[in-house]
Protein backbone atom coordinates (compact mmCIF):
# COMPACT_ATOMS: atom_id res chain seq x y z
CA MET A 1 93.85 209.46 -2.21
CA THR A 2 90.29 210.76 -1.95
CA VAL A 3 89.90 209.99 -5.63
CA LEU A 4 91.36 206.50 -5.10
CA ALA A 5 89.02 205.64 -2.40
CA ALA A 6 86.03 206.68 -4.33
CA ALA A 7 87.13 204.65 -7.37
CA VAL A 8 87.72 201.40 -5.50
CA PRO A 9 83.79 200.65 -4.80
CA LEU A 10 83.03 201.14 -8.17
CA LEU A 11 85.42 199.04 -9.33
CA LEU A 12 84.30 196.06 -7.23
CA LEU A 13 80.82 196.71 -8.55
CA ALA A 14 81.95 196.35 -12.06
CA VAL A 15 83.79 192.96 -11.28
CA GLU A 16 80.69 191.72 -9.71
CA ALA A 17 78.67 192.64 -12.44
CA ARG A 18 81.02 191.16 -14.82
CA ALA A 19 81.28 187.92 -12.97
CA ARG A 20 77.14 187.38 -13.07
CA VAL A 21 77.16 188.10 -16.89
CA PRO A 22 78.12 184.36 -18.07
CA GLU A 23 75.43 183.23 -15.63
CA LEU A 24 72.92 185.35 -17.27
CA GLU A 25 74.14 184.63 -20.80
CA GLN A 26 73.97 180.98 -19.99
CA HIS A 27 70.27 181.14 -18.95
CA ALA A 28 69.33 183.14 -21.85
CA VAL A 29 71.09 181.00 -24.77
CA GLU A 30 69.97 177.65 -23.32
CA PRO A 31 66.87 176.73 -25.54
CA THR A 32 63.70 174.79 -23.85
CA LEU A 33 63.35 171.20 -25.20
CA PRO A 34 59.98 169.63 -25.90
CA LEU A 35 58.94 166.92 -23.68
CA PRO A 36 59.19 163.25 -25.43
CA PRO A 37 55.98 161.54 -26.42
CA PRO A 38 54.41 159.05 -24.31
CA VAL A 39 55.24 155.41 -24.80
CA LEU A 40 52.37 153.72 -27.04
CA VAL A 41 51.45 150.42 -25.42
CA PRO A 42 49.28 148.26 -28.02
CA MET A 43 46.16 146.73 -26.87
CA LEU A 44 46.57 143.12 -28.16
CA PRO A 45 44.43 140.03 -27.34
CA PRO A 46 46.12 137.59 -25.47
CA ALA A 47 48.07 135.03 -27.43
CA SER A 48 46.40 131.72 -28.01
CA GLU A 49 48.56 128.53 -27.36
CA TYR A 50 48.07 127.11 -30.80
CA VAL A 51 48.05 128.89 -34.11
CA PRO A 52 44.47 128.19 -35.65
CA PHE A 53 44.69 126.16 -39.28
CA ILE A 54 42.26 126.87 -42.00
CA LYS A 55 42.14 124.28 -44.65
CA VAL A 56 41.97 125.95 -48.12
CA PRO A 57 41.48 123.50 -51.28
CA ALA A 58 43.82 124.15 -53.64
CA PRO A 59 42.95 125.84 -57.10
CA SER A 60 41.41 123.32 -59.57
CA LEU A 61 40.05 122.97 -63.04
CA SER A 62 36.66 124.52 -63.77
CA PRO A 63 33.89 121.70 -63.34
CA PRO A 64 32.35 122.24 -66.70
CA VAL A 65 35.78 122.01 -68.68
CA LYS A 66 36.56 118.98 -66.54
CA ALA A 67 33.15 117.39 -67.23
CA MET A 68 33.71 117.73 -71.11
CA ILE A 69 37.34 116.06 -71.01
CA GLU A 70 35.77 113.43 -68.85
CA GLU A 71 32.66 112.59 -71.37
CA ALA A 72 35.35 112.59 -74.24
CA ILE A 73 37.02 109.76 -72.22
CA ARG A 74 34.08 107.86 -71.42
CA ALA A 75 33.37 107.93 -75.31
CA ASP A 76 36.76 106.36 -75.86
CA ASP A 77 37.58 108.45 -78.68
CA GLN A 78 41.31 109.18 -78.70
CA ALA A 79 41.10 112.06 -81.37
CA GLN A 80 38.12 113.71 -79.40
CA VAL A 81 39.90 113.48 -76.16
CA ALA A 82 43.08 115.08 -77.83
CA ALA A 83 40.98 117.84 -79.45
CA MET A 84 39.08 118.52 -75.99
CA VAL A 85 42.49 118.76 -74.13
CA LYS A 86 44.06 121.07 -76.65
CA ILE A 87 40.92 123.47 -76.26
CA ALA A 88 41.01 123.07 -72.36
CA ILE A 89 44.76 124.10 -72.25
CA LYS A 90 44.12 127.06 -74.55
CA THR A 91 41.23 128.46 -72.30
CA GLN A 92 42.53 127.36 -69.09
CA PRO A 93 46.17 127.77 -68.96
CA TYR A 94 46.62 127.79 -65.34
CA ASP A 95 45.19 124.28 -65.11
CA GLU A 96 47.42 122.61 -67.57
CA GLY A 97 48.97 120.34 -65.29
CA GLU A 98 45.65 118.85 -64.26
CA ILE A 99 44.23 118.88 -67.58
CA LYS A 100 47.42 116.72 -68.80
CA ALA A 101 47.06 114.52 -65.83
CA LEU A 102 43.43 113.48 -67.01
CA GLN A 103 44.83 112.85 -70.48
CA LYS A 104 47.72 110.81 -69.28
CA ALA A 105 45.46 108.69 -67.22
CA TYR A 106 43.43 107.89 -70.16
CA GLN A 107 46.41 107.16 -72.27
CA ASP A 108 48.01 104.74 -69.55
CA ARG A 109 44.64 102.99 -69.17
CA LYS A 110 44.32 102.36 -72.96
CA ALA A 111 48.10 101.24 -73.28
CA LYS A 112 47.45 99.01 -70.56
CA GLN A 113 44.36 97.48 -72.33
CA ALA A 114 46.05 97.12 -75.54
CA ALA A 115 49.03 95.25 -73.93
CA GLU A 116 46.69 93.18 -71.91
CA LYS A 117 44.79 92.20 -75.32
CA SER A 118 48.13 91.59 -77.12
CA ALA A 119 49.13 89.30 -74.56
CA ALA A 120 45.95 87.57 -74.50
CA ASP A 121 46.02 87.23 -78.45
CA LEU A 122 49.49 85.70 -78.46
CA LYS A 123 48.47 83.20 -75.93
CA ARG A 124 45.31 82.21 -77.85
CA ILE A 125 47.32 81.87 -81.03
CA ARG A 126 50.01 80.14 -79.52
CA GLU A 127 47.57 77.50 -78.14
CA ALA A 128 45.47 77.16 -81.19
CA ALA A 129 45.06 73.94 -82.92
CA LEU A 130 45.61 73.50 -86.60
CA LEU A 131 42.09 74.08 -87.38
CA GLN A 132 41.22 76.89 -85.21
CA LEU A 133 41.58 80.70 -85.95
CA TRP A 134 40.33 80.18 -89.49
CA LYS A 135 38.28 83.11 -90.83
CA GLY A 136 36.24 82.88 -94.16
CA GLN A 137 33.45 84.03 -96.47
CA VAL A 138 31.20 82.57 -99.05
CA GLU A 139 30.11 84.27 -101.99
CA VAL A 140 27.27 83.58 -104.46
CA GLY A 141 25.62 85.50 -107.22
CA ALA A 142 25.46 86.12 -111.03
CA PHE A 143 27.82 87.26 -113.53
CA ARG A 144 27.90 88.94 -116.99
CA SER A 145 30.95 88.08 -119.34
CA THR A 146 32.15 89.65 -122.52
CA GLY A 147 35.20 88.43 -124.78
CA ASN A 148 35.16 84.89 -125.64
CA THR A 149 31.68 84.51 -124.32
CA SER A 150 28.83 87.11 -124.10
CA ASN A 151 26.35 85.74 -121.47
CA PHE A 152 24.87 85.56 -118.08
CA GLY A 153 25.49 82.61 -115.63
CA PHE A 154 26.20 81.68 -112.00
CA SER A 155 29.13 82.72 -109.85
CA ALA A 156 30.59 81.39 -106.64
CA ALA A 157 33.58 81.87 -104.50
CA VAL A 158 35.00 80.80 -100.90
CA LYS A 159 37.93 82.42 -99.19
CA PHE A 160 39.79 81.24 -96.01
CA ASN A 161 42.34 82.96 -93.97
CA ARG A 162 44.31 82.15 -90.98
CA LYS A 163 46.74 84.49 -89.39
CA GLY A 164 49.08 83.46 -86.72
CA ILE A 165 52.21 85.20 -85.12
CA ASN A 166 54.34 85.13 -88.24
CA TRP A 167 52.38 82.75 -90.79
CA GLU A 168 49.47 83.72 -92.74
CA HIS A 169 47.54 81.10 -94.95
CA ILE A 170 45.11 82.12 -97.77
CA ILE A 171 42.96 79.46 -99.37
CA GLN A 172 40.72 80.82 -102.37
CA GLY A 173 38.40 79.17 -104.92
CA ASN A 174 36.19 80.85 -107.75
CA ALA A 175 33.90 79.46 -110.32
CA ASP A 176 31.87 80.70 -113.16
CA TYR A 177 29.36 78.58 -114.90
CA GLN A 178 26.82 78.77 -117.57
CA GLU A 179 24.85 76.63 -119.82
CA ASP A 180 22.78 77.57 -122.80
CA ALA A 181 20.32 75.05 -124.38
CA GLY A 182 22.33 72.25 -122.75
CA THR A 183 25.64 73.43 -124.09
CA VAL A 184 28.19 74.78 -121.53
CA SER A 185 28.95 78.39 -122.69
CA LYS A 186 31.24 79.39 -119.59
CA GLU A 187 33.15 77.17 -117.47
CA GLN A 188 36.00 78.76 -115.34
CA PHE A 189 37.35 77.50 -111.96
CA SER A 190 40.35 78.42 -110.23
CA GLY A 191 42.02 77.96 -106.78
CA SER A 192 44.99 78.87 -104.79
CA TYR A 193 46.82 78.35 -101.65
CA GLN A 194 49.16 80.96 -100.35
CA ALA A 195 51.56 80.93 -97.13
CA ARG A 196 53.29 84.07 -96.04
CA TYR A 197 55.96 84.43 -93.45
CA THR A 198 56.25 87.80 -91.89
CA LEU A 199 60.21 88.96 -91.77
CA ASN A 200 59.24 92.39 -90.03
CA ASP A 201 56.24 94.85 -89.87
CA ALA A 202 56.65 95.62 -93.57
CA LEU A 203 58.48 92.69 -95.35
CA PHE A 204 57.41 89.05 -95.84
CA THR A 205 58.07 85.97 -98.09
CA TYR A 206 55.57 83.97 -99.67
CA GLY A 207 54.89 80.69 -101.56
CA LYS A 208 51.95 80.32 -103.82
CA GLY A 209 50.21 77.49 -105.78
CA MET A 210 47.50 78.18 -108.30
CA TYR A 211 45.17 75.86 -110.51
CA GLU A 212 43.07 77.16 -113.28
CA ARG A 213 40.59 75.66 -115.84
CA ASP A 214 39.03 77.49 -118.61
CA LYS A 215 38.21 75.65 -121.83
CA ILE A 216 36.55 78.68 -123.48
CA GLN A 217 39.86 80.45 -123.26
CA GLY A 218 41.69 77.53 -124.56
CA TYR A 219 43.38 75.60 -121.80
CA GLU A 220 42.14 72.39 -120.06
CA ASN A 221 44.42 72.78 -116.94
CA ARG A 222 46.84 75.38 -115.77
CA TYR A 223 49.27 74.87 -112.79
CA SER A 224 51.41 77.67 -111.36
CA LEU A 225 54.00 77.93 -108.64
CA SER A 226 55.56 81.15 -107.36
CA SER A 227 57.54 82.26 -104.57
CA GLY A 228 59.40 85.50 -103.75
CA LEU A 229 59.06 88.61 -101.31
CA GLY A 230 56.17 90.85 -100.53
CA TYR A 231 56.21 94.42 -99.02
CA ARG A 232 53.42 96.14 -97.00
CA VAL A 233 53.47 99.66 -98.52
CA ILE A 234 50.49 100.97 -96.56
CA LYS A 235 49.19 99.46 -93.11
CA THR A 236 46.53 101.71 -91.50
CA LYS A 237 43.35 100.96 -90.06
CA ALA A 238 41.66 102.59 -93.30
CA MET A 239 43.71 101.48 -95.84
CA THR A 240 46.27 98.55 -96.78
CA LEU A 241 48.52 98.11 -99.75
CA SER A 242 50.91 95.42 -100.34
CA ILE A 243 52.82 94.05 -103.43
CA GLU A 244 54.69 90.70 -104.13
CA ALA A 245 57.16 89.72 -106.82
CA GLY A 246 59.09 86.49 -107.50
CA PRO A 247 59.86 83.76 -110.10
CA ALA A 248 57.17 81.37 -111.19
CA ILE A 249 56.86 78.06 -113.23
CA ARG A 250 53.75 77.42 -115.02
CA GLN A 251 52.47 74.24 -116.85
CA THR A 252 49.63 74.56 -119.23
CA GLU A 253 47.55 71.73 -120.85
CA PHE A 254 45.86 73.37 -123.79
CA VAL A 255 42.54 72.02 -125.21
CA SER A 256 44.01 71.21 -128.62
CA ASP A 257 47.86 72.13 -128.47
CA PRO A 258 50.42 70.24 -126.69
CA SER A 259 51.12 71.16 -123.06
CA GLU A 260 54.00 73.48 -122.21
CA THR A 261 55.78 74.61 -119.27
CA SER A 262 57.38 78.11 -118.96
CA TRP A 263 59.27 80.14 -116.48
CA SER A 264 57.98 83.69 -115.81
CA VAL A 265 57.92 86.59 -113.20
CA ALA A 266 54.80 86.63 -110.95
CA THR A 267 53.72 90.05 -109.50
CA SER A 268 50.67 90.92 -107.59
CA LEU A 269 48.97 93.73 -105.83
CA ASP A 270 46.51 93.77 -102.85
CA TRP A 271 44.98 97.17 -102.09
CA ALA A 272 41.92 97.76 -99.69
CA TRP A 273 40.28 101.05 -98.60
CA THR A 274 37.62 100.95 -95.95
CA ILE A 275 35.51 104.04 -96.99
CA SER A 276 33.34 103.77 -93.81
CA PRO A 277 32.37 101.11 -91.41
CA THR A 278 29.74 99.60 -93.89
CA MET A 279 31.55 100.27 -97.32
CA LYS A 280 34.90 99.03 -98.57
CA LEU A 281 36.64 99.29 -101.94
CA THR A 282 39.36 96.71 -102.99
CA GLN A 283 41.58 96.28 -105.97
CA ASP A 284 43.64 93.12 -106.67
CA ALA A 285 45.90 92.75 -109.55
CA SER A 286 48.45 89.86 -110.66
CA SER A 287 50.59 89.13 -113.78
CA TYR A 288 52.73 86.34 -115.10
CA ILE A 289 55.44 87.72 -117.42
CA GLY A 290 56.97 84.97 -119.45
CA SER A 291 58.77 84.68 -122.92
CA ASP A 292 55.95 82.58 -124.36
CA ASN A 293 52.74 83.90 -123.01
CA SER A 294 52.15 86.64 -120.21
CA THR A 295 48.76 86.85 -118.36
CA PHE A 296 47.27 89.92 -116.61
CA THR A 297 44.36 89.92 -114.21
CA SER A 298 42.57 92.93 -112.48
CA LYS A 299 39.60 92.82 -110.12
CA THR A 300 37.99 95.92 -108.68
CA ALA A 301 35.22 95.58 -105.99
CA LEU A 302 32.93 97.52 -103.88
CA GLU A 303 31.48 96.07 -100.81
CA ALA A 304 28.48 97.38 -98.91
CA GLY A 305 27.48 95.89 -95.49
CA MET A 306 23.78 94.79 -94.91
CA THR A 307 24.45 93.10 -91.57
CA LYS A 308 27.17 92.26 -89.48
CA ARG A 309 27.91 89.38 -91.43
CA LEU A 310 26.19 89.88 -94.89
CA LYS A 311 27.65 92.03 -97.61
CA LEU A 312 26.50 92.99 -100.90
CA LYS A 313 29.36 93.04 -103.69
CA LEU A 314 29.70 94.40 -107.07
CA SER A 315 33.01 93.66 -108.93
CA TYR A 316 34.62 93.74 -112.38
CA GLN A 317 37.37 91.59 -113.56
CA PHE A 318 39.74 91.92 -116.47
CA GLU A 319 41.75 89.08 -117.79
CA HIS A 320 44.25 89.29 -120.67
CA GLU A 321 46.41 86.49 -122.33
CA GLY A 322 49.26 87.78 -124.44
CA SER A 323 49.45 84.79 -126.58
CA PRO A 324 46.06 82.58 -126.30
CA PRO A 325 45.41 79.53 -128.50
CA ASP A 326 44.35 80.00 -131.86
CA GLY A 327 40.66 80.87 -132.08
CA SER A 328 40.44 82.37 -128.69
CA LEU A 329 40.25 86.08 -127.97
CA LYS A 330 43.12 87.98 -125.73
CA THR A 331 40.63 89.58 -123.42
CA ASP A 332 37.83 88.48 -121.10
CA THR A 333 35.93 90.69 -118.78
CA VAL A 334 33.41 89.58 -116.01
CA SER A 335 31.07 91.60 -114.00
CA ARG A 336 29.80 90.04 -110.88
CA PHE A 337 26.86 90.82 -108.43
CA THR A 338 27.20 88.59 -105.40
CA LEU A 339 26.08 88.16 -101.76
CA VAL A 340 28.89 87.62 -99.44
CA TYR A 341 28.72 85.76 -95.90
CA GLY A 342 31.51 86.00 -93.50
CA PHE A 343 32.19 83.83 -90.44
């Protein structure tokens, strides 16, 4: 009993100590956490009632580049404008829209001007009287001939042209004359009238009447009538080329032989090349191909402008008769030096 009584206090002390161990362990294991950072409060200026608007210009074409394009437009040179636009787009690709807008405005203006001019021209043509709208030229000078005659003489020519909407009328006359000691050694005259009717931009029909007189070559009078189709092979600002072909009838009154009438095929070629604003090269050729006789002519001319209306003209004409009258040569050539006045 004594031992038991002594052990009881010790047992109570152990139980109490055991009971306090979890409390001590809880305080020992639990870590200490850091305090949270303070809340940041931004210091902003008081908000305004309206958001301010600052106007900034849109990106635009460089002034020097724009000035070059506008200068080309003022010169009214379409090729130069196209070249400047091409260079500007290549060097300023980000401004392509503005560059093309400048070009389009110019092209639209040109198209409008062309349409207005075309409408005014059509109105003027429709309202014109019969003797209006004619253009012409007078040509005077000297010639040198070879073949049936070999001499110098006087040369003259006239040409009148009237263009309508569909119709075109051409009247021409030529004369070469020379006397030697009171004797006529060269007497050649010709005149023609041709009417053309346009079917489309390239194709046209025509009718032509022609009179010729050349006693030296063996015929007193020669009359020709022809008609057919024509085609404009080339039609540009610098060059034109048209050809014609159709049946023809000719009546020839010879100086010493009986008159004859024959059918033939008539062809012609009309070519012109404007080399420069003051220089022009032309080539006219024609033929009458028949069973009894064939005639071939070719005329090459160079024109040089002296003033707005006055030109200097040098020409060379070749004429060949397949079956001329007895005693006449087949080929004649005529070189002319003339002054041409246009009106």
